[in-house]
């Protein structure tokens, strides 16, 4: 059976991360269970282009409405290998950190935590308030991995696309589905970590 991964997309800036996560996941043979917030659709169109939502949904095995709290991914009995929220808004982070399962995105994240499955949150905000930091701590204490989408400058990326691809690959690598997809630091290349 192919691994299934839930990909949640919130309305935070960084929508291109969702597309690259989906590409890496499908490239590793995973089935993508996609759930987009209402603002995610708007941000994808604004930041990536008018065809971005269609491109993302085309990569998914299944697309779930964010309002469908009865969807398969809302239950711990539905086997998945984990979940990535890319990007993860501070609103979604707060809801996840406090167990507010008011949308399918936040409910699916809560399911990963209660089932002790990997939950990777590409938290997207700067600068951070104390509330953001406390929510990150709470989510981490429950088992989530908070991974702000920080560029790997030591790899000397030349384009924004390279930065996004590396971050997405690192996020997928944290699920341990296949051999690492992200480019690793190599001291022989003269780069410093």
N, C-alpha and C. Protein backbone atom coordinates (compact mmCIF):
# COMPACT_ATOMS: atom_id res chain seq x y z
N UNK A 1 0.84 -1.18 0.00
CA UNK A 1 0.00 0.00 0.00
C UNK A 1 0.88 1.24 0.00
N UNK A 2 0.55 2.18 -0.86
CA UNK A 2 1.30 3.44 -0.92
C UNK A 2 1.04 4.25 0.35
N UNK A 3 2.06 4.95 0.85
CA UNK A 3 1.82 5.79 2.03
C UNK A 3 0.90 6.95 1.68
N UNK A 4 0.07 7.32 2.65
CA UNK A 4 -0.80 8.48 2.50
C UNK A 4 -0.28 9.57 3.42
N UNK A 5 -0.29 10.81 2.94
CA UNK A 5 0.13 11.95 3.74
C UNK A 5 -0.90 13.04 3.59
N UNK A 6 -1.30 13.62 4.71
CA UNK A 6 -2.21 14.75 4.67
C UNK A 6 -1.38 16.01 4.44
N UNK A 7 -1.78 16.80 3.47
CA UNK A 7 -1.16 18.09 3.22
C UNK A 7 -2.19 19.16 3.48
N UNK A 8 -1.99 19.90 4.56
CA UNK A 8 -2.86 21.01 4.90
C UNK A 8 -2.23 22.30 4.41
N UNK A 9 -3.04 23.17 3.84
CA UNK A 9 -2.53 24.43 3.32
C UNK A 9 -3.35 25.55 3.93
N UNK A 10 -2.70 26.37 4.75
CA UNK A 10 -3.40 27.51 5.36
C UNK A 10 -3.20 28.74 4.48
N UNK A 11 -3.75 29.85 4.92
CA UNK A 11 -3.70 31.07 4.12
C UNK A 11 -2.47 31.92 4.31
N UNK A 12 -1.48 31.45 5.05
CA UNK A 12 -0.27 32.24 5.26
C UNK A 12 0.49 32.43 3.96
N UNK A 13 1.34 33.43 3.94
CA UNK A 13 2.22 33.64 2.80
C UNK A 13 3.18 32.45 2.71
N UNK A 14 3.59 32.13 1.49
CA UNK A 14 4.47 30.98 1.27
C UNK A 14 3.72 29.85 0.61
N UNK A 15 2.69 30.18 -0.15
CA UNK A 15 1.83 29.17 -0.77
C UNK A 15 2.59 28.22 -1.70
N UNK A 16 3.67 28.69 -2.30
CA UNK A 16 4.44 27.84 -3.21
C UNK A 16 5.02 26.63 -2.48
N UNK A 17 5.19 26.73 -1.16
CA UNK A 17 5.68 25.60 -0.38
C UNK A 17 4.75 24.40 -0.51
N UNK A 18 3.45 24.65 -0.56
CA UNK A 18 2.47 23.56 -0.68
C UNK A 18 2.66 22.80 -1.98
N UNK A 19 2.85 23.52 -3.06
CA UNK A 19 3.05 22.87 -4.36
C UNK A 19 4.31 22.00 -4.36
N UNK A 20 5.40 22.53 -3.83
CA UNK A 20 6.62 21.75 -3.82
C UNK A 20 6.54 20.56 -2.87
N UNK A 21 5.87 20.71 -1.73
CA UNK A 21 5.66 19.56 -0.85
C UNK A 21 4.88 18.48 -1.57
N UNK A 22 3.83 18.86 -2.27
CA UNK A 22 3.02 17.89 -3.01
C UNK A 22 3.84 17.21 -4.09
N UNK A 23 4.71 17.96 -4.75
CA UNK A 23 5.55 17.37 -5.80
C UNK A 23 6.52 16.35 -5.22
N UNK A 24 7.15 16.69 -4.10
CA UNK A 24 8.09 15.76 -3.47
C UNK A 24 7.35 14.51 -3.00
N UNK A 25 6.20 14.71 -2.36
CA UNK A 25 5.43 13.57 -1.85
C UNK A 25 5.02 12.63 -2.98
N UNK A 26 4.48 13.17 -4.06
CA UNK A 26 4.06 12.30 -5.17
C UNK A 26 5.27 11.67 -5.84
N UNK A 27 6.39 12.40 -5.87
CA UNK A 27 7.62 11.84 -6.42
C UNK A 27 8.14 10.66 -5.61
N UNK A 28 7.79 10.63 -4.33
CA UNK A 28 8.17 9.50 -3.47
C UNK A 28 7.09 8.42 -3.43
N UNK A 29 6.07 8.57 -4.25
CA UNK A 29 5.03 7.55 -4.34
C UNK A 29 3.93 7.67 -3.31
N UNK A 30 3.88 8.78 -2.58
CA UNK A 30 2.84 8.96 -1.57
C UNK A 30 1.56 9.48 -2.20
N UNK A 31 0.44 9.10 -1.59
CA UNK A 31 -0.85 9.66 -1.95
C UNK A 31 -1.08 10.89 -1.09
N UNK A 32 -1.41 12.00 -1.72
CA UNK A 32 -1.62 13.25 -1.00
C UNK A 32 -3.11 13.43 -0.72
N UNK A 33 -3.42 13.57 0.57
CA UNK A 33 -4.77 13.89 1.03
C UNK A 33 -4.76 15.40 1.30
N UNK A 34 -5.36 16.18 0.43
CA UNK A 34 -5.23 17.63 0.45
C UNK A 34 -6.42 18.31 1.11
N UNK A 35 -6.12 19.28 1.99
CA UNK A 35 -7.17 20.13 2.56
C UNK A 35 -6.64 21.57 2.55
N UNK A 36 -7.40 22.46 1.92
CA UNK A 36 -7.02 23.86 1.80
C UNK A 36 -8.00 24.74 2.55
N UNK A 37 -7.47 25.70 3.29
CA UNK A 37 -8.36 26.69 3.90
C UNK A 37 -8.86 27.64 2.80
N UNK A 38 -9.89 28.39 3.11
CA UNK A 38 -10.43 29.35 2.15
C UNK A 38 -9.36 30.37 1.76
N UNK A 39 -8.63 30.85 2.75
CA UNK A 39 -7.57 31.83 2.46
C UNK A 39 -6.41 31.20 1.71
N UNK A 40 -6.19 29.90 1.84
CA UNK A 40 -5.12 29.23 1.09
C UNK A 40 -5.37 29.34 -0.40
N UNK A 41 -6.61 29.15 -0.81
CA UNK A 41 -6.93 29.27 -2.23
C UNK A 41 -6.63 30.67 -2.73
N UNK A 42 -6.98 31.67 -1.95
CA UNK A 42 -6.72 33.06 -2.33
C UNK A 42 -5.21 33.34 -2.39
N UNK A 43 -4.47 32.86 -1.38
CA UNK A 43 -3.03 33.11 -1.34
C UNK A 43 -2.31 32.39 -2.47
N UNK A 44 -2.73 31.17 -2.78
CA UNK A 44 -2.14 30.46 -3.92
C UNK A 44 -2.30 31.25 -5.21
N UNK A 45 -3.50 31.76 -5.43
CA UNK A 45 -3.76 32.54 -6.64
C UNK A 45 -2.94 33.83 -6.66
N UNK A 46 -2.83 34.50 -5.51
CA UNK A 46 -2.09 35.77 -5.44
C UNK A 46 -0.59 35.57 -5.59
N UNK A 47 -0.05 34.57 -4.92
CA UNK A 47 1.40 34.41 -4.89
C UNK A 47 1.97 33.55 -6.01
N UNK A 48 1.21 32.56 -6.45
CA UNK A 48 1.73 31.64 -7.46
C UNK A 48 1.11 31.90 -8.83
N UNK A 49 -0.18 32.20 -8.85
CA UNK A 49 -0.85 32.48 -10.11
C UNK A 49 -2.22 31.87 -10.16
N UNK A 50 -3.02 32.27 -11.15
CA UNK A 50 -4.42 31.83 -11.20
C UNK A 50 -4.60 30.32 -11.37
N UNK A 51 -3.64 29.61 -11.88
CA UNK A 51 -3.77 28.16 -12.06
C UNK A 51 -3.18 27.34 -10.92
N UNK A 52 -2.74 28.01 -9.86
CA UNK A 52 -2.03 27.31 -8.77
C UNK A 52 -2.91 26.32 -8.04
N UNK A 53 -4.15 26.68 -7.76
CA UNK A 53 -5.04 25.77 -7.04
C UNK A 53 -5.28 24.51 -7.87
N UNK A 54 -5.52 24.68 -9.16
CA UNK A 54 -5.73 23.53 -10.04
C UNK A 54 -4.47 22.66 -10.11
N UNK A 55 -3.30 23.29 -10.18
CA UNK A 55 -2.05 22.53 -10.23
C UNK A 55 -1.86 21.72 -8.95
N UNK A 56 -2.20 22.32 -7.82
CA UNK A 56 -2.05 21.62 -6.54
C UNK A 56 -3.05 20.48 -6.42
N UNK A 57 -4.30 20.73 -6.73
CA UNK A 57 -5.31 19.67 -6.61
C UNK A 57 -5.04 18.52 -7.58
N UNK A 58 -4.39 18.82 -8.71
CA UNK A 58 -4.04 17.76 -9.66
C UNK A 58 -3.01 16.79 -9.09
N UNK A 59 -2.24 17.25 -8.13
CA UNK A 59 -1.23 16.40 -7.49
C UNK A 59 -1.80 15.54 -6.37
N UNK A 60 -3.01 15.84 -5.96
CA UNK A 60 -3.63 15.16 -4.82
C UNK A 60 -4.39 13.91 -5.26
N UNK A 61 -4.32 12.88 -4.43
CA UNK A 61 -5.15 11.69 -4.65
C UNK A 61 -6.59 11.99 -4.28
N UNK A 62 -6.75 12.80 -3.20
CA UNK A 62 -8.06 13.22 -2.73
C UNK A 62 -7.99 14.64 -2.22
N UNK A 63 -9.05 15.39 -2.49
CA UNK A 63 -9.17 16.76 -2.00
C UNK A 63 -10.37 16.81 -1.06
N UNK A 64 -10.15 17.31 0.15
CA UNK A 64 -11.20 17.37 1.16
C UNK A 64 -11.59 18.81 1.42
N UNK A 65 -12.87 19.07 1.53
CA UNK A 65 -13.35 20.41 1.87
C UNK A 65 -12.98 20.73 3.30
N UNK A 66 -12.51 21.94 3.53
CA UNK A 66 -12.06 22.34 4.86
C UNK A 66 -13.21 22.32 5.88
N UNK A 67 -14.44 22.36 5.40
CA UNK A 67 -15.61 22.34 6.28
C UNK A 67 -16.12 20.93 6.58
N UNK A 68 -15.54 19.92 5.93
CA UNK A 68 -16.03 18.54 6.06
C UNK A 68 -15.37 17.84 7.24
N UNK A 69 -15.90 18.08 8.43
CA UNK A 69 -15.34 17.45 9.63
C UNK A 69 -15.65 15.96 9.71
N UNK A 70 -16.41 15.44 8.77
CA UNK A 70 -16.68 14.01 8.70
C UNK A 70 -15.83 13.29 7.66
N UNK A 71 -14.83 13.97 7.12
CA UNK A 71 -13.96 13.36 6.10
C UNK A 71 -13.10 12.26 6.73
N UNK A 72 -12.59 11.38 5.89
CA UNK A 72 -11.77 10.26 6.36
C UNK A 72 -10.60 10.71 7.21
N UNK A 73 -9.95 11.81 6.82
CA UNK A 73 -8.74 12.25 7.53
C UNK A 73 -9.05 12.87 8.90
N UNK A 74 -10.33 12.99 9.24
CA UNK A 74 -10.72 13.49 10.57
C UNK A 74 -10.74 12.38 11.61
N UNK A 75 -10.44 11.15 11.18
CA UNK A 75 -10.49 10.01 12.08
C UNK A 75 -9.12 9.36 12.22
N UNK A 76 -8.78 9.00 13.44
CA UNK A 76 -7.53 8.29 13.69
C UNK A 76 -7.52 6.89 13.13
N UNK A 77 -8.70 6.35 12.80
CA UNK A 77 -8.75 5.01 12.22
C UNK A 77 -8.36 4.98 10.75
N UNK A 78 -8.25 6.15 10.12
CA UNK A 78 -7.84 6.24 8.72
C UNK A 78 -6.32 6.31 8.69
N UNK A 79 -5.66 5.29 8.13
CA UNK A 79 -4.21 5.23 8.22
C UNK A 79 -3.51 6.22 7.29
N UNK A 80 -2.71 7.09 7.88
CA UNK A 80 -1.84 7.99 7.13
C UNK A 80 -0.46 7.95 7.77
N UNK A 81 0.54 8.39 7.04
CA UNK A 81 1.92 8.38 7.54
C UNK A 81 2.29 9.67 8.25
N UNK A 82 1.41 10.64 8.24
CA UNK A 82 1.67 11.91 8.89
C UNK A 82 1.04 13.06 8.12
N UNK A 83 1.37 14.27 8.55
CA UNK A 83 0.77 15.47 7.96
C UNK A 83 1.78 16.59 7.93
N UNK A 84 1.71 17.36 6.87
CA UNK A 84 2.48 18.60 6.74
C UNK A 84 1.48 19.73 6.57
N UNK A 85 1.68 20.83 7.30
CA UNK A 85 0.90 22.04 7.06
C UNK A 85 1.86 23.05 6.46
N UNK A 86 1.67 23.34 5.18
CA UNK A 86 2.60 24.18 4.43
C UNK A 86 1.86 25.16 3.53
N UNK A 87 1.93 26.42 3.82
CA UNK A 87 2.47 27.03 5.02
C UNK A 87 1.47 26.93 6.17
N UNK A 88 1.95 27.17 7.37
CA UNK A 88 1.09 27.12 8.56
C UNK A 88 0.95 28.52 9.12
N UNK A 89 -0.25 29.05 9.04
CA UNK A 89 -0.52 30.39 9.57
C UNK A 89 -0.49 30.37 11.10
N UNK A 90 -0.37 31.53 11.69
CA UNK A 90 -0.41 31.61 13.15
C UNK A 90 -1.79 31.27 13.68
N UNK A 91 -2.82 31.50 12.90
CA UNK A 91 -4.18 31.11 13.29
C UNK A 91 -4.28 29.59 13.36
N UNK A 92 -3.77 28.91 12.33
CA UNK A 92 -3.80 27.44 12.33
C UNK A 92 -2.93 26.88 13.44
N UNK A 93 -1.74 27.46 13.62
CA UNK A 93 -0.86 27.02 14.69
C UNK A 93 -1.55 27.15 16.04
N UNK A 94 -2.20 28.28 16.28
CA UNK A 94 -2.90 28.50 17.55
C UNK A 94 -4.00 27.47 17.76
N UNK A 95 -4.78 27.22 16.72
CA UNK A 95 -5.87 26.24 16.83
C UNK A 95 -5.32 24.84 17.11
N UNK A 96 -4.23 24.48 16.44
CA UNK A 96 -3.62 23.17 16.66
C UNK A 96 -3.06 23.07 18.08
N UNK A 97 -2.38 24.12 18.52
CA UNK A 97 -1.76 24.12 19.84
C UNK A 97 -2.78 24.04 20.97
N UNK A 98 -4.00 24.50 20.70
CA UNK A 98 -5.03 24.53 21.74
C UNK A 98 -6.18 23.56 21.49
N UNK A 99 -6.01 22.67 20.51
CA UNK A 99 -7.00 21.63 20.27
C UNK A 99 -8.34 22.14 19.75
N UNK A 100 -8.32 23.24 19.02
CA UNK A 100 -9.56 23.78 18.46
C UNK A 100 -9.80 23.16 17.09
N UNK A 101 -10.52 22.07 17.07
CA UNK A 101 -10.75 21.30 15.84
C UNK A 101 -11.95 21.85 15.07
N UNK A 102 -11.90 23.13 14.74
CA UNK A 102 -13.05 23.79 14.12
C UNK A 102 -13.05 23.72 12.60
N UNK A 103 -11.95 23.26 12.00
CA UNK A 103 -11.90 23.04 10.55
C UNK A 103 -11.30 21.67 10.32
N UNK A 104 -11.42 21.15 9.12
CA UNK A 104 -10.82 19.86 8.82
C UNK A 104 -9.30 19.94 8.91
N UNK A 105 -8.72 21.06 8.55
CA UNK A 105 -7.27 21.20 8.63
C UNK A 105 -6.79 21.04 10.07
N UNK A 106 -7.41 21.76 10.99
CA UNK A 106 -6.98 21.66 12.39
C UNK A 106 -7.37 20.33 13.02
N UNK A 107 -8.50 19.77 12.62
CA UNK A 107 -8.91 18.46 13.13
C UNK A 107 -7.93 17.38 12.66
N UNK A 108 -7.55 17.41 11.38
CA UNK A 108 -6.60 16.42 10.87
C UNK A 108 -5.25 16.54 11.59
N UNK A 109 -4.84 17.75 11.92
CA UNK A 109 -3.60 17.95 12.67
C UNK A 109 -3.73 17.35 14.07
N UNK A 110 -4.86 17.58 14.71
CA UNK A 110 -5.09 17.01 16.04
C UNK A 110 -5.06 15.49 16.01
N UNK A 111 -5.57 14.91 14.94
CA UNK A 111 -5.56 13.45 14.80
C UNK A 111 -4.12 12.95 14.76
N UNK A 112 -3.24 13.66 14.06
CA UNK A 112 -1.84 13.22 14.01
C UNK A 112 -1.24 13.23 15.41
N UNK A 113 -1.55 14.27 16.18
CA UNK A 113 -1.01 14.36 17.53
C UNK A 113 -1.54 13.25 18.43
N UNK A 114 -2.85 13.02 18.39
CA UNK A 114 -3.42 12.00 19.28
C UNK A 114 -2.98 10.59 18.90
N UNK A 115 -2.71 10.37 17.61
CA UNK A 115 -2.26 9.06 17.14
C UNK A 115 -0.74 8.92 17.17
N UNK A 116 -0.05 9.97 17.64
CA UNK A 116 1.41 9.99 17.72
C UNK A 116 2.06 9.79 16.35
N UNK A 117 1.48 10.46 15.36
CA UNK A 117 2.04 10.45 14.01
C UNK A 117 2.77 11.76 13.76
N UNK A 118 3.68 11.78 12.81
CA UNK A 118 4.40 13.03 12.54
C UNK A 118 3.47 14.16 12.07
N UNK A 119 3.70 15.33 12.62
CA UNK A 119 2.99 16.55 12.22
C UNK A 119 4.04 17.64 12.04
N UNK A 120 4.21 18.09 10.81
CA UNK A 120 5.23 19.07 10.46
C UNK A 120 4.52 20.39 10.14
N UNK A 121 4.86 21.44 10.88
CA UNK A 121 4.21 22.74 10.72
C UNK A 121 5.21 23.75 10.18
N UNK A 122 5.03 24.17 8.94
CA UNK A 122 5.90 25.18 8.35
C UNK A 122 5.34 26.56 8.73
N UNK A 123 5.59 26.90 9.99
CA UNK A 123 5.04 28.11 10.59
C UNK A 123 5.61 29.35 9.92
N UNK A 124 4.71 30.20 9.44
CA UNK A 124 5.12 31.31 8.60
C UNK A 124 4.66 32.63 9.19
N UNK A 125 5.60 33.32 9.85
CA UNK A 125 5.34 34.66 10.38
C UNK A 125 6.65 35.27 10.83
N UNK A 126 6.75 36.58 10.77
CA UNK A 126 7.94 37.28 11.27
C UNK A 126 7.62 38.76 11.39
N UNK A 127 8.02 39.39 12.46
CA UNK A 127 8.59 38.80 13.67
C UNK A 127 7.53 38.06 14.46
N UNK A 128 7.96 37.37 15.50
CA UNK A 128 7.06 36.55 16.30
C UNK A 128 6.68 37.25 17.59
N UNK A 129 5.40 37.14 17.95
CA UNK A 129 4.96 37.65 19.25
C UNK A 129 5.14 36.56 20.29
N UNK A 130 4.99 36.92 21.54
CA UNK A 130 5.07 35.95 22.62
C UNK A 130 3.98 34.88 22.46
N UNK A 131 2.80 35.29 21.99
CA UNK A 131 1.72 34.31 21.75
C UNK A 131 2.15 33.28 20.70
N UNK A 132 2.80 33.73 19.62
CA UNK A 132 3.28 32.80 18.59
C UNK A 132 4.28 31.81 19.19
N UNK A 133 5.22 32.34 19.95
CA UNK A 133 6.25 31.49 20.55
C UNK A 133 5.65 30.48 21.52
N UNK A 134 4.69 30.92 22.32
CA UNK A 134 4.05 30.00 23.27
C UNK A 134 3.25 28.93 22.53
N UNK A 135 2.60 29.30 21.45
CA UNK A 135 1.86 28.31 20.66
C UNK A 135 2.81 27.31 20.02
N UNK A 136 3.96 27.79 19.55
CA UNK A 136 4.96 26.87 18.99
C UNK A 136 5.45 25.91 20.06
N UNK A 137 5.69 26.41 21.26
CA UNK A 137 6.12 25.55 22.36
C UNK A 137 5.04 24.51 22.68
N UNK A 138 3.80 24.95 22.76
CA UNK A 138 2.70 24.02 23.08
C UNK A 138 2.58 22.93 22.02
N UNK A 139 2.65 23.31 20.75
CA UNK A 139 2.55 22.33 19.67
C UNK A 139 3.73 21.35 19.72
N UNK A 140 4.91 21.87 19.99
CA UNK A 140 6.11 21.02 20.09
C UNK A 140 6.00 20.06 21.26
N UNK A 141 5.51 20.54 22.39
CA UNK A 141 5.36 19.67 23.56
C UNK A 141 4.37 18.54 23.29
N UNK A 142 3.43 18.75 22.39
CA UNK A 142 2.47 17.70 22.04
C UNK A 142 3.00 16.75 20.98
N UNK A 143 4.15 17.06 20.39
CA UNK A 143 4.74 16.15 19.42
C UNK A 143 4.90 16.69 18.02
N UNK A 144 4.41 17.88 17.75
CA UNK A 144 4.57 18.46 16.42
C UNK A 144 6.01 18.93 16.23
N UNK A 145 6.41 19.03 14.98
CA UNK A 145 7.69 19.62 14.62
C UNK A 145 7.39 20.96 13.98
N UNK A 146 7.84 22.04 14.62
CA UNK A 146 7.66 23.38 14.07
C UNK A 146 8.89 23.69 13.23
N UNK A 147 8.67 23.89 11.94
CA UNK A 147 9.77 24.10 11.00
C UNK A 147 9.52 25.37 10.21
N UNK A 148 9.95 26.51 10.74
CA UNK A 148 9.80 27.73 9.95
C UNK A 148 10.55 27.58 8.63
N UNK A 149 9.98 28.05 7.54
CA UNK A 149 10.62 27.88 6.23
C UNK A 149 11.82 28.81 6.05
N UNK A 150 12.92 28.44 6.69
CA UNK A 150 14.14 29.24 6.67
C UNK A 150 15.06 28.73 5.55
N UNK A 151 15.55 29.60 4.69
CA UNK A 151 16.44 29.15 3.60
C UNK A 151 17.73 28.53 4.12
N UNK A 152 18.22 27.54 3.41
CA UNK A 152 19.52 26.93 3.70
C UNK A 152 20.57 27.74 2.93
N UNK A 153 20.95 28.87 3.49
CA UNK A 153 21.86 29.79 2.80
C UNK A 153 23.20 29.14 2.49
N UNK A 154 23.61 28.17 3.33
CA UNK A 154 24.90 27.50 3.12
C UNK A 154 24.94 26.71 1.82
N UNK A 155 23.79 26.45 1.23
CA UNK A 155 23.75 25.76 -0.07
C UNK A 155 23.89 26.75 -1.23
N UNK A 156 23.94 28.03 -0.90
CA UNK A 156 24.09 29.11 -1.88
C UNK A 156 23.04 29.04 -3.00
N UNK A 157 21.76 29.07 -2.62
CA UNK A 157 20.73 29.03 -3.66
C UNK A 157 20.79 30.26 -4.55
N UNK A 158 20.49 30.05 -5.82
CA UNK A 158 20.53 31.14 -6.79
C UNK A 158 19.15 31.68 -7.12
N UNK A 159 18.11 30.91 -6.80
CA UNK A 159 16.75 31.33 -7.13
C UNK A 159 15.82 31.08 -5.95
N UNK A 160 14.71 31.78 -5.96
CA UNK A 160 13.67 31.53 -4.95
C UNK A 160 13.13 30.11 -5.11
N UNK A 161 13.02 29.64 -6.33
CA UNK A 161 12.52 28.28 -6.57
C UNK A 161 13.41 27.24 -5.90
N UNK A 162 14.73 27.45 -5.91
CA UNK A 162 15.65 26.51 -5.25
C UNK A 162 15.45 26.54 -3.73
N UNK A 163 15.22 27.72 -3.19
CA UNK A 163 14.98 27.85 -1.75
C UNK A 163 13.71 27.09 -1.36
N UNK A 164 12.63 27.31 -2.11
CA UNK A 164 11.35 26.68 -1.82
C UNK A 164 11.46 25.16 -1.95
N UNK A 165 12.12 24.70 -3.01
CA UNK A 165 12.26 23.25 -3.22
C UNK A 165 13.03 22.59 -2.08
N UNK A 166 14.08 23.23 -1.59
CA UNK A 166 14.88 22.67 -0.50
C UNK A 166 14.07 22.60 0.79
N UNK A 167 13.33 23.66 1.09
CA UNK A 167 12.52 23.67 2.31
C UNK A 167 11.44 22.58 2.24
N UNK A 168 10.78 22.47 1.11
CA UNK A 168 9.74 21.45 0.94
C UNK A 168 10.33 20.04 1.08
N UNK A 169 11.48 19.82 0.47
CA UNK A 169 12.12 18.51 0.56
C UNK A 169 12.50 18.17 2.00
N UNK A 170 13.00 19.17 2.76
CA UNK A 170 13.33 18.95 4.17
C UNK A 170 12.09 18.60 4.98
N UNK A 171 10.99 19.27 4.69
CA UNK A 171 9.75 18.98 5.41
C UNK A 171 9.30 17.55 5.15
N UNK A 172 9.32 17.13 3.89
CA UNK A 172 8.92 15.77 3.55
C UNK A 172 9.89 14.76 4.16
N UNK A 173 11.17 15.09 4.17
CA UNK A 173 12.16 14.18 4.76
C UNK A 173 11.87 13.88 6.23
N UNK A 174 11.28 14.83 6.93
CA UNK A 174 10.96 14.63 8.35
C UNK A 174 9.90 13.55 8.57
N UNK A 175 9.19 13.16 7.50
CA UNK A 175 8.21 12.07 7.59
C UNK A 175 8.88 10.69 7.45
N UNK A 176 10.11 10.66 6.96
CA UNK A 176 10.87 9.41 6.80
C UNK A 176 10.15 8.39 5.93
N UNK A 177 9.62 8.85 4.81
CA UNK A 177 8.92 7.95 3.88
C UNK A 177 9.87 7.24 2.93
N UNK A 178 10.97 7.91 2.60
CA UNK A 178 11.90 7.39 1.60
C UNK A 178 13.28 7.97 1.90
N UNK A 179 14.23 7.69 1.02
CA UNK A 179 15.56 8.28 1.17
C UNK A 179 15.43 9.80 1.13
N UNK A 180 16.29 10.52 1.85
CA UNK A 180 16.18 11.98 1.90
C UNK A 180 16.15 12.62 0.51
N UNK A 181 15.24 13.56 0.34
CA UNK A 181 15.09 14.28 -0.93
C UNK A 181 15.84 15.60 -0.91
N UNK A 182 16.05 16.16 0.28
CA UNK A 182 16.70 17.46 0.38
C UNK A 182 18.20 17.33 0.15
N UNK A 183 18.76 18.36 -0.43
CA UNK A 183 20.20 18.41 -0.63
C UNK A 183 20.88 18.58 0.72
N UNK A 184 21.84 17.74 0.99
CA UNK A 184 22.55 17.78 2.27
C UNK A 184 23.77 18.69 2.19
N UNK A 185 24.16 19.22 3.33
CA UNK A 185 25.39 19.98 3.41
C UNK A 185 26.56 19.06 3.13
N UNK A 186 27.49 19.51 2.31
CA UNK A 186 28.66 18.73 1.97
C UNK A 186 29.90 19.59 2.24
N UNK A 187 30.70 19.24 3.27
CA UNK A 187 31.85 20.08 3.60
C UNK A 187 32.88 20.16 2.47
N UNK A 188 32.89 19.18 1.57
CA UNK A 188 33.85 19.22 0.46
C UNK A 188 33.49 20.29 -0.56
N UNK A 189 32.26 20.80 -0.50
CA UNK A 189 31.84 21.86 -1.42
C UNK A 189 32.22 23.24 -0.91
N UNK A 190 32.77 23.29 0.31
CA UNK A 190 33.19 24.57 0.86
C UNK A 190 32.08 25.36 1.50
N UNK A 191 30.93 24.73 1.69
CA UNK A 191 29.81 25.41 2.34
C UNK A 191 29.89 25.19 3.84
N UNK A 192 29.43 26.14 4.60
CA UNK A 192 29.43 25.99 6.06
C UNK A 192 28.02 25.85 6.56
N UNK A 193 27.74 24.92 7.51
CA UNK A 193 26.37 24.77 8.00
C UNK A 193 25.95 25.93 8.87
